[in-house]
């Protein structure tokens, strides 16, 4: 474990913002979105006080206030506005569906949801709003801003000049945000991250990868997801870099020219999205990037090659994290980028590997450190702390002598076929090697003869098992890892974060098996 000065993280999020403004200059442009109205540190702090004062009139200190907004200047201002007055942002995943959203609000005890008319209209989210209004008070920020008067502006100006005197003081160990896990494999869980968890993760990343304050970060990932919130918004702002927010990663044709126009140096993406941007982009639209950071899913070799061939030597830095870790646990660096790994462990994180029967060469990863969550939300609004501070990632990994991590698979992503443990991730990699331009996912079903059997779901229309078997034989992979049944679909279901939606995938497979029976 590399040394990390945890004292650097002993700050509230708003105080970290104030400290960044002092260090990097109050007049430095720090935040922008597609409206192209850049905000300086002073602008951001004043806007947070003006909006926060209004929100404080109908909420109370310590209240969990839900935020349902896209990645935008408005979304970031709202996040800091809640912190200026000691409220706890509770970030709602508007792509999770009505049932999950209502469950999230009930679990967190949310009484107020902040959103915007424009966002609801553009996203066609009226059904979500109708459902949330049965549980909560939905407040539109356009309506709130209309009520900002002269006294509010005078207050914001004074608070902007002396922010430490006007902000509500909180402890670094207090809840800084409530997020919900992606739900890739089941129902989302409520994760409570403290102020110091989030600040620590920003400091850990900055110690691991030297950041240039002149850089521009381009973030199209949602701020309801920890990768988008911490990496795409908090990290640049707290470390003195300009954060450009874009409302949706799905705008494949619009994003590459905007990356060029904003003179972005760092782009945040998942493998799915960066692959699509690279195919859509003109050669000069991404070539100005210093590097790309990829998380949430495995980066395919084909994506690495595509970027290199089309845009030159732009490092595609694969990282690894979990919502429970604020989220970054490890990431490759521009000067040490090892394909096939998820990078080096961040400073200050302890690891423990637990043996998993039947899986040689690695173990289940547990992590502990200043960025690891306070705990999970419990029914009734409490917080269940982690035993001894250790978070069980559920991932089976190998660790090099210098703490570089290679993911072997998730514990729940292994199947027992003919008495042998088989990685479903490795089975997906087989399909990706044979058909690199397509998307693939593998699930396991019970089998009376072999224990379990593997099912490949793919958008490759002419996929067949013979090609998979031939490739497995060529590379010496065990034939048990070759799926013997293939289900072809128009597209692989994904979550709003770009991860494969294995819950939806299982439903597709179950329906197909019933239909074929």
Protein backbone atom coordinates (compact mmCIF):
# COMPACT_ATOMS: atom_id res chain seq x y z
CA UNK A 1 0.00 0.00 0.00
CA UNK A 2 1.40 3.39 -1.03
CA UNK A 3 1.31 6.11 1.61
CA UNK A 4 -1.53 8.63 1.55
CA UNK A 5 -1.92 11.63 3.83
CA UNK A 6 -5.49 11.12 5.02
CA UNK A 7 -5.40 14.56 6.68
CA UNK A 8 -5.78 15.98 3.16
CA UNK A 9 -9.27 14.50 3.07
CA UNK A 10 -10.46 15.82 6.43
CA UNK A 11 -12.70 18.48 4.93
CA UNK A 12 -16.32 18.97 4.03
CA UNK A 13 -17.05 19.05 0.32
CA UNK A 14 -17.98 22.74 0.38
CA UNK A 15 -14.85 23.65 2.32
CA UNK A 16 -12.80 21.71 -0.26
CA UNK A 17 -14.45 23.88 -2.94
CA UNK A 18 -13.53 27.04 -1.01
CA UNK A 19 -9.97 25.78 -0.63
CA UNK A 20 -9.71 25.06 -4.37
CA UNK A 21 -10.90 28.60 -5.17
CA UNK A 22 -8.20 30.07 -2.93
CA UNK A 23 -5.49 27.83 -4.35
CA UNK A 24 -6.32 28.15 -8.06
CA UNK A 25 -7.83 31.65 -8.18
CA UNK A 26 -11.41 32.73 -7.55
CA UNK A 27 -11.74 34.08 -11.10
CA UNK A 28 -10.64 30.87 -12.81
CA UNK A 29 -13.34 29.38 -15.13
CA UNK A 30 -14.07 25.99 -13.62
CA UNK A 31 -17.46 24.74 -14.85
CA UNK A 32 -19.27 24.77 -18.21
CA UNK A 33 -21.94 22.84 -20.09
CA UNK A 34 -23.56 22.84 -23.52
CA UNK A 35 -25.09 26.28 -22.85
CA UNK A 36 -21.49 27.56 -23.10
CA UNK A 37 -21.70 29.97 -20.13
CA UNK A 38 -18.55 29.21 -18.13
CA UNK A 39 -18.64 29.71 -14.35
CA UNK A 40 -15.64 30.76 -12.27
CA UNK A 41 -15.10 29.54 -8.72
CA UNK A 42 -16.72 32.75 -7.48
CA UNK A 43 -19.70 32.27 -9.82
CA UNK A 44 -20.15 28.68 -8.65
CA UNK A 45 -19.94 29.57 -4.95
CA UNK A 46 -22.33 32.51 -5.30
CA UNK A 47 -24.80 30.46 -7.35
CA UNK A 48 -24.67 27.69 -4.73
CA UNK A 49 -25.47 30.16 -1.95
CA UNK A 50 -28.29 31.84 -3.89
CA UNK A 51 -29.98 28.57 -4.84
CA UNK A 52 -29.17 26.89 -1.54
CA UNK A 53 -30.79 29.68 0.45
CA UNK A 54 -34.05 29.12 -1.44
CA UNK A 55 -33.91 25.33 -1.03
CA UNK A 56 -33.17 25.74 2.70
CA UNK A 57 -36.55 27.48 3.10
CA UNK A 58 -38.44 24.22 2.44
CA UNK A 59 -35.90 21.66 3.75
CA UNK A 60 -34.02 21.20 7.01
CA UNK A 61 -30.37 20.69 7.94
CA UNK A 62 -29.31 17.06 7.51
CA UNK A 63 -32.29 16.26 5.29
CA UNK A 64 -31.77 13.86 2.37
CA UNK A 65 -32.87 15.90 -0.64
CA UNK A 66 -33.16 14.04 -3.94
CA UNK A 67 -31.57 15.40 -7.11
CA UNK A 68 -32.87 14.22 -10.48
CA UNK A 69 -30.86 16.21 -13.01
CA UNK A 70 -28.53 15.45 -15.92
CA UNK A 71 -24.81 16.22 -15.98
CA UNK A 72 -24.90 19.99 -16.38
CA UNK A 73 -23.78 23.19 -14.69
CA UNK A 74 -27.21 23.30 -13.05
CA UNK A 75 -26.77 19.79 -11.68
CA UNK A 76 -23.35 20.62 -10.20
CA UNK A 77 -24.55 23.96 -8.75
CA UNK A 78 -27.50 22.16 -7.12
CA UNK A 79 -25.13 19.59 -5.57
CA UNK A 80 -23.00 22.36 -4.01
CA UNK A 81 -26.10 24.41 -3.09
CA UNK A 82 -27.32 21.58 -0.88
CA UNK A 83 -23.88 21.31 0.74
CA UNK A 84 -23.70 25.07 1.43
CA UNK A 85 -26.67 24.64 3.76
CA UNK A 86 -25.91 21.21 5.23
CA UNK A 87 -28.37 19.12 3.20
CA UNK A 88 -27.47 15.68 1.82
CA UNK A 89 -27.75 15.24 -1.97
CA UNK A 90 -29.47 11.96 -2.79
CA UNK A 91 -28.81 11.28 -6.46
CA UNK A 92 -31.62 9.56 -8.35
CA UNK A 93 -30.94 7.36 -11.36
CA UNK A 94 -33.69 8.46 -13.74
CA UNK A 95 -32.92 5.50 -16.05
CA UNK A 96 -33.60 2.92 -13.32
CA UNK A 97 -37.38 2.71 -13.83
CA UNK A 98 -40.33 3.73 -11.68
CA UNK A 99 -40.14 0.80 -9.26
CA UNK A 100 -36.45 1.32 -8.44
CA UNK A 101 -36.84 5.10 -8.14
CA UNK A 102 -39.73 4.81 -5.71
CA UNK A 103 -37.83 2.20 -3.70
CA UNK A 104 -34.79 4.51 -3.56
CA UNK A 105 -36.88 7.43 -2.25
CA UNK A 106 -38.54 5.23 0.37
CA UNK A 107 -35.23 3.73 1.49
CA UNK A 108 -33.56 7.16 1.86
CA UNK A 109 -36.62 8.81 3.41
CA UNK A 110 -36.71 11.44 0.68
CA UNK A 111 -39.42 14.09 1.03
CA UNK A 112 -38.28 16.51 -1.70
CA UNK A 113 -37.08 15.88 -5.27
CA UNK A 114 -35.28 18.66 -7.17
CA UNK A 115 -35.54 18.50 -10.95
CA UNK A 116 -36.20 20.81 -13.91
CA UNK A 117 -39.11 21.36 -16.32
CA UNK A 118 -36.74 21.37 -19.29
CA UNK A 119 -35.11 18.10 -18.28
CA UNK A 120 -38.44 16.36 -17.71
CA UNK A 121 -39.75 17.58 -21.07
CA UNK A 122 -36.64 16.63 -23.04
CA UNK A 123 -36.31 13.27 -21.31
CA UNK A 124 -40.05 12.53 -21.51
CA UNK A 125 -40.00 11.67 -17.82
CA UNK A 126 -43.59 12.64 -17.00
CA UNK A 127 -44.50 9.10 -15.86
CA UNK A 128 -41.58 9.12 -13.42
CA UNK A 129 -42.66 12.48 -12.04
CA UNK A 130 -46.26 11.27 -11.61
CA UNK A 131 -44.99 8.28 -9.64
CA UNK A 132 -42.62 10.34 -7.48
CA UNK A 133 -45.36 12.86 -6.68
CA UNK A 134 -47.26 10.10 -4.85
CA UNK A 135 -44.36 9.90 -2.37
CA UNK A 136 -42.55 13.25 -2.45
CA UNK A 137 -42.79 16.95 -3.18
CA UNK A 138 -41.32 17.51 -6.67
CA UNK A 139 -39.74 20.97 -6.97
CA UNK A 140 -38.69 22.49 -10.30
CA UNK A 141 -35.53 24.59 -10.20
CA UNK A 142 -36.81 27.02 -12.85
CA UNK A 143 -39.64 27.90 -10.45
CA UNK A 144 -37.20 28.31 -7.56
CA UNK A 145 -34.92 30.61 -9.59
CA UNK A 146 -37.85 32.88 -10.47
CA UNK A 147 -38.20 33.70 -6.78
CA UNK A 148 -34.55 34.82 -6.37
CA UNK A 149 -34.79 38.53 -5.53
CA UNK A 150 -32.45 41.38 -4.66
CA UNK A 151 -32.03 40.27 -1.05
CA UNK A 152 -30.99 36.79 -2.23
CA UNK A 153 -28.46 38.26 -4.65
CA UNK A 154 -27.02 40.52 -1.94
CA UNK A 155 -26.80 37.53 0.38
CA UNK A 156 -25.03 35.47 -2.32
CA UNK A 157 -22.56 38.31 -3.00
CA UNK A 158 -21.70 38.61 0.68
CA UNK A 159 -21.48 34.83 1.08
CA UNK A 160 -19.29 34.59 -2.00
CA UNK A 161 -16.87 37.08 -0.44
CA UNK A 162 -16.79 35.26 2.94
CA UNK A 163 -17.95 31.69 2.21
CA UNK A 164 -16.52 30.11 5.38
CA UNK A 165 -18.61 32.50 7.50
CA UNK A 166 -21.86 31.79 5.64
CA UNK A 167 -21.75 28.06 4.87
CA UNK A 168 -23.29 25.60 7.32
CA UNK A 169 -20.49 23.73 9.11
CA UNK A 170 -20.59 19.93 8.99
CA UNK A 171 -18.18 17.19 9.99
CA UNK A 172 -16.03 15.49 7.32
CA UNK A 173 -17.45 12.18 8.58
CA UNK A 174 -21.06 13.28 7.96
CA UNK A 175 -22.90 11.90 4.92
CA UNK A 176 -21.78 13.77 1.78
CA UNK A 177 -23.98 12.03 -0.77
CA UNK A 178 -26.32 9.07 -1.10
CA UNK A 179 -25.95 7.08 -4.31
CA UNK A 180 -27.52 3.87 -5.49
CA UNK A 181 -25.58 0.95 -6.94
CA UNK A 182 -26.10 0.26 -10.63
CA UNK A 183 -28.31 -2.78 -10.22
CA UNK A 184 -26.31 -4.76 -12.82
CA UNK A 185 -27.02 -8.01 -10.96
CA UNK A 186 -30.08 -7.20 -8.82
CA UNK A 187 -31.89 -4.49 -6.88
CA UNK A 188 -29.88 -1.26 -6.31
CA UNK A 189 -28.58 -0.59 -2.79
CA UNK A 190 -28.28 2.78 -1.08
CA UNK A 191 -24.65 3.76 -0.48
CA UNK A 192 -23.72 6.50 2.00
CA UNK A 193 -20.45 8.26 1.19
CA UNK A 194 -19.08 10.76 3.68
CA UNK A 195 -17.61 14.15 2.79
CA UNK A 196 -14.13 12.81 3.52
CA UNK A 197 -14.75 9.68 1.37
CA UNK A 198 -15.36 11.85 -1.71
CA UNK A 199 -12.60 14.37 -0.99
CA UNK A 200 -10.15 11.52 -0.27
CA UNK A 201 -10.89 9.79 -3.57
CA UNK A 202 -10.21 13.03 -5.47
CA UNK A 203 -6.91 13.48 -3.61
CA UNK A 204 -5.94 9.82 -4.16
CA UNK A 205 -6.51 10.07 -7.91
CA UNK A 206 -4.53 13.34 -8.10
CA UNK A 207 -1.63 11.67 -6.27
CA UNK A 208 -1.79 8.65 -8.62
CA UNK A 209 -2.07 10.64 -11.89
CA UNK A 210 -0.49 14.13 -11.97
CA UNK A 211 -3.14 16.57 -13.22
CA UNK A 212 -2.46 19.80 -15.11
CA UNK A 213 -4.70 22.70 -13.95
CA UNK A 214 -4.84 23.88 -17.58
CA UNK A 215 -6.64 20.71 -18.66
CA UNK A 216 -10.35 20.48 -19.50
CA UNK A 217 -12.30 17.39 -18.36
CA UNK A 218 -15.22 16.39 -20.62
CA UNK A 219 -17.88 14.46 -18.71
CA UNK A 220 -20.89 12.98 -20.55
CA UNK A 221 -21.53 10.41 -17.80
CA UNK A 222 -24.47 10.89 -15.41
CA UNK A 223 -23.81 12.50 -12.05
CA UNK A 224 -26.19 9.99 -10.43
CA UNK A 225 -23.38 7.49 -11.09
CA UNK A 226 -20.30 7.76 -8.88
CA UNK A 227 -17.87 7.67 -11.83
CA UNK A 228 -19.59 10.70 -13.39
CA UNK A 229 -19.98 12.55 -10.08
CA UNK A 230 -16.52 12.06 -8.57
CA UNK A 231 -14.40 11.66 -11.70
CA UNK A 232 -16.29 13.94 -14.04
CA UNK A 233 -17.32 16.76 -11.69
CA UNK A 234 -15.74 16.80 -8.22
CA UNK A 235 -12.20 15.75 -9.18
CA UNK A 236 -11.58 18.52 -11.74
CA UNK A 237 -13.30 21.24 -9.69
CA UNK A 238 -11.51 20.37 -6.44
CA UNK A 239 -8.16 20.00 -8.24
CA UNK A 240 -8.35 23.22 -10.28
CA UNK A 241 -9.31 21.85 -13.71
CA UNK A 242 -12.25 22.96 -15.84
CA UNK A 243 -15.17 20.51 -15.83
CA UNK A 244 -17.34 20.43 -18.95
CA UNK A 245 -20.64 18.65 -18.31
CA UNK A 246 -22.72 17.06 -21.08
CA UNK A 247 -26.23 15.71 -20.37
CA UNK A 248 -26.13 12.30 -22.06
CA UNK A 249 -23.46 9.82 -23.19
CA UNK A 250 -25.91 8.54 -25.82
CA UNK A 251 -25.43 11.52 -28.18
CA UNK A 252 -22.89 9.69 -30.29
CA UNK A 253 -22.68 12.18 -33.17
CA UNK A 254 -22.78 15.37 -31.08
CA UNK A 255 -20.07 14.53 -28.52
CA UNK A 256 -16.91 14.14 -30.69
CA UNK A 257 -17.15 17.60 -32.35
CA UNK A 258 -17.87 19.13 -28.94
CA UNK A 259 -14.81 17.40 -27.47
CA UNK A 260 -12.76 19.18 -30.15
CA UNK A 261 -14.55 22.51 -29.73
CA UNK A 262 -14.07 22.58 -25.94
CA UNK A 263 -10.38 21.70 -26.34
CA UNK A 264 -10.92 18.82 -23.90
CA UNK A 265 -7.86 16.97 -22.63
CA UNK A 266 -9.55 14.19 -20.69
CA UNK A 267 -12.71 12.32 -21.69
CA UNK A 268 -14.66 10.07 -19.31
CA UNK A 269 -16.46 7.14 -20.91
CA UNK A 270 -17.23 3.45 -20.80
CA UNK A 271 -15.95 0.98 -23.39
CA UNK A 272 -19.37 0.95 -25.08
CA UNK A 273 -19.50 4.71 -25.48
CA UNK A 274 -15.88 5.44 -26.43
CA UNK A 275 -16.08 2.74 -29.10
CA UNK A 276 -19.16 4.42 -30.56
CA UNK A 277 -17.64 7.92 -30.36
CA UNK A 278 -14.49 6.70 -32.11
CA UNK A 279 -16.49 5.17 -34.97
CA UNK A 280 -18.57 8.33 -35.42
CA UNK A 281 -15.78 10.92 -35.02
CA UNK A 282 -13.74 12.62 -37.70
CA UNK A 283 -10.00 12.00 -37.23
CA UNK A 284 -9.35 15.47 -35.79
CA UNK A 285 -12.24 15.43 -33.30
CA UNK A 286 -10.66 13.19 -30.64
CA UNK A 287 -6.99 13.52 -31.58
CA UNK A 288 -6.51 16.50 -29.22
CA UNK A 289 -7.22 14.39 -26.13
CA UNK A 290 -4.39 13.76 -23.69
CA UNK A 291 -6.03 10.53 -22.51
CA UNK A 292 -9.40 8.81 -22.04
CA UNK A 293 -10.49 7.26 -18.75
CA UNK A 294 -12.73 4.20 -19.02
CA UNK A 295 -14.58 2.49 -16.21
CA UNK A 296 -17.77 0.57 -15.37
CA UNK A 297 -17.04 -2.25 -17.84
CA UNK A 298 -14.08 -4.10 -19.38
CA UNK A 299 -12.26 -2.28 -22.19
CA UNK A 300 -12.02 -4.51 -25.26
CA UNK A 301 -8.76 -4.92 -27.17
CA UNK A 302 -10.68 -3.84 -30.28
CA UNK A 303 -11.46 -0.47 -28.65
CA UNK A 304 -7.80 0.12 -27.73
CA UNK A 305 -6.80 -0.64 -31.33
CA UNK A 306 -9.57 1.48 -32.85
CA UNK A 307 -8.48 4.58 -30.88
CA UNK A 308 -4.80 4.05 -31.73
CA UNK A 309 -5.42 3.49 -35.45
CA UNK A 310 -7.81 6.42 -35.92
CA UNK A 311 -6.55 9.07 -33.51
CA UNK A 312 -2.95 8.25 -32.74
CA UNK A 313 -1.24 7.41 -29.43
CA UNK A 314 -4.01 8.50 -27.05
CA UNK A 315 -3.84 6.30 -23.92
CA UNK A 316 -7.11 4.58 -23.06
CA UNK A 317 -6.77 4.24 -19.29
CA UNK A 318 -8.91 1.44 -17.90
CA UNK A 319 -9.84 1.84 -14.27
CA UNK A 320 -11.75 -0.07 -11.64
CA UNK A 321 -14.04 0.98 -8.87
CA UNK A 322 -17.28 0.58 -6.99
CA UNK A 323 -19.90 3.01 -5.76
CA UNK A 324 -18.92 1.89 -2.26
CA UNK A 325 -15.36 3.17 -2.91
CA UNK A 326 -16.35 6.69 -4.01
CA UNK A 327 -15.68 5.02 -6.64
CA UNK A 328 -12.05 4.63 -7.81
CA UNK A 329 -10.00 1.73 -6.46
CA UNK A 330 -7.42 1.42 -9.24
CA UNK A 331 -6.61 3.00 -12.60
CA UNK A 332 -3.90 2.83 -15.23
CA UNK A 333 -1.75 5.93 -15.78
CA UNK A 334 -0.58 7.70 -18.95
CA UNK A 335 3.00 6.61 -18.25
CA UNK A 336 2.16 3.05 -17.16
CA UNK A 337 -0.82 1.75 -19.11
CA UNK A 338 -0.99 -2.04 -18.97
CA UNK A 339 -3.63 -3.51 -21.27
CA UNK A 340 -5.63 -6.31 -19.72
CA UNK A 341 -5.37 -4.78 -16.25
CA UNK A 342 -7.53 -2.18 -14.51
CA UNK A 343 -4.48 -0.31 -13.29
CA UNK A 344 -2.56 0.33 -10.13
CA UNK A 345 -4.13 0.49 -6.69
CA UNK A 346 -4.67 4.05 -5.48
CA UNK A 347 -2.55 5.22 -2.54
CA UNK A 348 -4.05 4.67 0.90
CA UNK A 349 -6.10 1.58 0.01
CA UNK A 350 -5.48 -1.70 1.84
CA UNK A 351 -6.36 -4.98 0.15
CA UNK A 352 -7.15 -8.51 1.24
CA UNK A 353 -7.61 -11.51 -1.06
CA UNK A 354 -9.83 -14.38 0.08
CA UNK A 355 -9.46 -17.76 -1.57
CA UNK A 356 -12.40 -18.81 -3.76
CA UNK A 357 -12.71 -22.56 -4.07
CA UNK A 358 -12.20 -23.77 -7.62
CA UNK A 359 -10.70 -20.48 -8.88
CA UNK A 360 -6.88 -20.62 -8.87
CA UNK A 361 -4.52 -17.71 -9.43
CA UNK A 362 -6.42 -15.04 -7.53
CA UNK A 363 -8.92 -14.33 -4.81
CA UNK A 364 -11.95 -12.30 -3.85
CA UNK A 365 -10.91 -8.70 -3.30
CA UNK A 366 -11.71 -6.82 -0.10
CA UNK A 367 -10.65 -3.19 0.26
CA UNK A 368 -10.33 -0.69 3.11
CA UNK A 369 -9.28 2.95 3.07
CA UNK A 370 -10.29 6.62 3.40
CA UNK A 371 -12.53 6.44 0.30
CA UNK A 372 -14.55 3.41 1.44
CA UNK A 373 -18.18 4.22 2.29
CA UNK A 374 -19.73 4.85 5.69
CA UNK A 375 -22.16 2.00 4.98
CA UNK A 376 -25.35 0.87 3.26
CA UNK A 377 -28.74 2.42 3.93
CA UNK A 378 -31.03 0.19 5.95
CA UNK A 379 -34.84 0.15 5.89
CA UNK A 380 -35.93 2.89 8.24
CA UNK A 381 -33.13 5.23 7.17
CA UNK A 382 -30.22 3.95 9.26
CA UNK A 383 -26.68 3.23 8.08
CA UNK A 384 -25.17 -0.25 8.35
CA UNK A 385 -21.39 0.13 8.74
CA UNK A 386 -18.89 -2.26 7.17
CA UNK A 387 -17.36 -4.90 9.46
CA UNK A 388 -13.89 -3.61 10.31
CA UNK A 389 -14.19 -1.07 7.49
CA UNK A 390 -13.66 -3.77 4.83
CA UNK A 391 -15.75 -3.68 1.64
CA UNK A 392 -16.24 -7.01 -0.14
CA UNK A 393 -16.12 -6.12 -3.84
CA UNK A 394 -17.34 -9.53 -4.96
CA UNK A 395 -14.66 -9.45 -7.67
CA UNK A 396 -12.07 -12.16 -8.16
CA UNK A 397 -8.73 -10.53 -9.00
CA UNK A 398 -5.01 -11.14 -9.20
CA UNK A 399 -2.56 -8.60 -7.77
CA UNK A 400 0.94 -8.04 -9.15
CA UNK A 401 3.89 -7.40 -6.84
CA UNK A 402 3.47 -3.65 -7.46
CA UNK A 403 -0.31 -3.72 -6.81
CA UNK A 404 -1.56 -3.69 -10.39
CA UNK A 405 -4.97 -5.37 -10.57
CA UNK A 406 -6.30 -7.84 -13.12
CA UNK A 407 -9.99 -8.75 -12.94
CA UNK A 408 -10.64 -12.48 -13.29
CA UNK A 409 -14.41 -12.14 -12.82
CA UNK A 410 -17.13 -11.59 -10.24
CA UNK A 411 -17.85 -14.33 -7.72
CA UNK A 412 -21.42 -14.41 -9.01
CA UNK A 413 -20.08 -14.39 -12.57
CA UNK A 414 -18.63 -17.89 -12.31
CA UNK A 415 -20.49 -21.09 -13.15
CA UNK A 416 -19.78 -24.69 -12.16
CA UNK A 417 -19.76 -26.71 -15.38
CA UNK A 418 -18.92 -30.40 -15.14
CA UNK A 419 -17.41 -29.85 -11.69
CA UNK A 420 -15.10 -27.04 -12.88
CA UNK A 421 -15.40 -23.33 -12.10
CA UNK A 422 -15.76 -21.38 -15.37
CA UNK A 423 -15.57 -17.59 -15.64
CA UNK A 424 -18.50 -16.09 -17.53
CA UNK A 425 -16.29 -13.05 -18.20
CA UNK A 426 -13.72 -15.33 -19.88
CA UNK A 427 -16.51 -16.85 -21.97
CA UNK A 428 -17.53 -13.33 -23.04
CA UNK A 429 -13.90 -12.62 -23.93
CA UNK A 430 -13.89 -15.67 -26.23
CA UNK A 431 -16.85 -14.27 -28.17
CA UNK A 432 -15.29 -10.79 -28.25
CA UNK A 433 -12.08 -12.23 -29.74
CA UNK A 434 -14.01 -14.02 -32.51
CA UNK A 435 -16.40 -11.13 -33.28
CA UNK A 436 -14.67 -7.98 -31.95
CA UNK A 437 -17.08 -5.53 -33.62
CA UNK A 438 -20.12 -6.87 -31.76
CA UNK A 439 -21.47 -6.96 -28.21
CA UNK A 440 -21.73 -10.19 -26.22
CA UNK A 441 -22.86 -11.34 -22.78
CA UNK A 442 -22.90 -14.76 -21.14
CA UNK A 443 -25.23 -16.08 -18.44
CA UNK A 444 -25.45 -19.47 -16.75
CA UNK A 445 -28.53 -21.65 -16.38
CA UNK A 446 -29.00 -24.81 -14.28
CA UNK A 447 -28.29 -28.03 -16.14
CA UNK A 448 -29.33 -31.46 -14.78
CA UNK A 449 -26.29 -33.21 -16.30
CA UNK A 450 -23.44 -30.67 -15.98
CA UNK A 451 -24.58 -28.55 -13.02
CA UNK A 452 -24.74 -25.36 -15.09
CA UNK A 453 -24.50 -24.48 -18.78
CA UNK A 454 -23.41 -21.30 -20.51
CA UNK A 455 -25.67 -19.23 -22.79
CA UNK A 456 -24.19 -16.60 -25.10
CA UNK A 457 -26.39 -13.62 -25.95
CA UNK A 458 -25.02 -11.64 -28.89
CA UNK A 459 -25.96 -9.04 -31.49
CA UNK A 460 -23.88 -10.94 -34.07
CA UNK A 461 -26.46 -12.27 -36.53
CA UNK A 462 -24.33 -15.15 -37.90
CA UNK A 463 -22.73 -16.24 -34.60
CA UNK A 464 -22.25 -20.00 -34.27
CA UNK A 465 -20.64 -22.32 -31.74
CA UNK A 466 -18.21 -23.83 -34.27
CA UNK A 467 -16.28 -20.54 -34.52
CA UNK A 468 -16.10 -20.29 -30.71
CA UNK A 469 -14.86 -23.87 -30.34
CA UNK A 470 -12.22 -23.35 -33.05
CA UNK A 471 -10.91 -20.21 -31.35
CA UNK A 472 -10.88 -21.89 -27.91
CA UNK A 473 -8.83 -24.78 -29.35
CA UNK A 474 -6.46 -22.35 -31.07
CA UNK A 475 -5.65 -20.44 -27.86
CA UNK A 476 -5.78 -23.48 -25.58
CA UNK A 477 -8.88 -22.37 -23.65
CA UNK A 478 -10.93 -25.12 -21.97
CA UNK A 479 -13.93 -26.21 -24.01
CA UNK A 480 -16.05 -25.99 -20.84
CA UNK A 481 -15.75 -22.19 -21.25
CA UNK A 482 -17.42 -22.31 -24.68
CA UNK A 483 -21.17 -21.52 -24.62
CA UNK A 484 -23.05 -24.26 -26.50
CA UNK A 485 -26.26 -22.27 -26.93
CA UNK A 486 -26.43 -18.87 -28.64
CA UNK A 487 -29.34 -16.40 -28.47
CA UNK A 488 -29.23 -13.61 -31.05
CA UNK A 489 -30.75 -10.21 -30.22
CA UNK A 490 -31.00 -6.79 -31.85
CA UNK A 491 -28.98 -5.24 -29.03
CA UNK A 492 -27.54 -6.18 -25.66
CA UNK A 493 -29.46 -4.39 -22.86
CA UNK A 494 -27.38 -1.80 -21.00
CA UNK A 495 -27.93 0.40 -17.97
CA UNK A 496 -27.77 4.20 -18.10
CA UNK A 497 -24.10 3.95 -17.11
CA UNK A 498 -23.22 1.77 -20.12
CA UNK A 499 -22.83 -1.45 -18.12
CA UNK A 500 -24.47 -4.63 -19.36
CA UNK A 501 -27.86 -5.05 -17.65
CA UNK A 502 -27.62 -8.68 -16.52
CA UNK A 503 -31.04 -8.56 -14.85
CA UNK A 504 -32.73 -7.68 -18.16
CA UNK A 505 -30.45 -10.16 -19.94
CA UNK A 506 -31.56 -12.98 -17.66
CA UNK A 507 -35.20 -12.18 -18.45
CA UNK A 508 -34.43 -12.38 -22.19
CA UNK A 509 -32.74 -15.76 -21.76
CA UNK A 510 -35.52 -17.16 -19.54
CA UNK A 511 -38.18 -16.06 -22.05
CA UNK A 512 -36.26 -17.62 -24.96
CA UNK A 513 -35.76 -20.91 -23.10
CA UNK A 514 -39.49 -21.07 -22.24
CA UNK A 515 -40.42 -20.29 -25.84
CA UNK A 516 -38.14 -23.02 -27.16
CA UNK A 517 -39.34 -25.61 -24.62
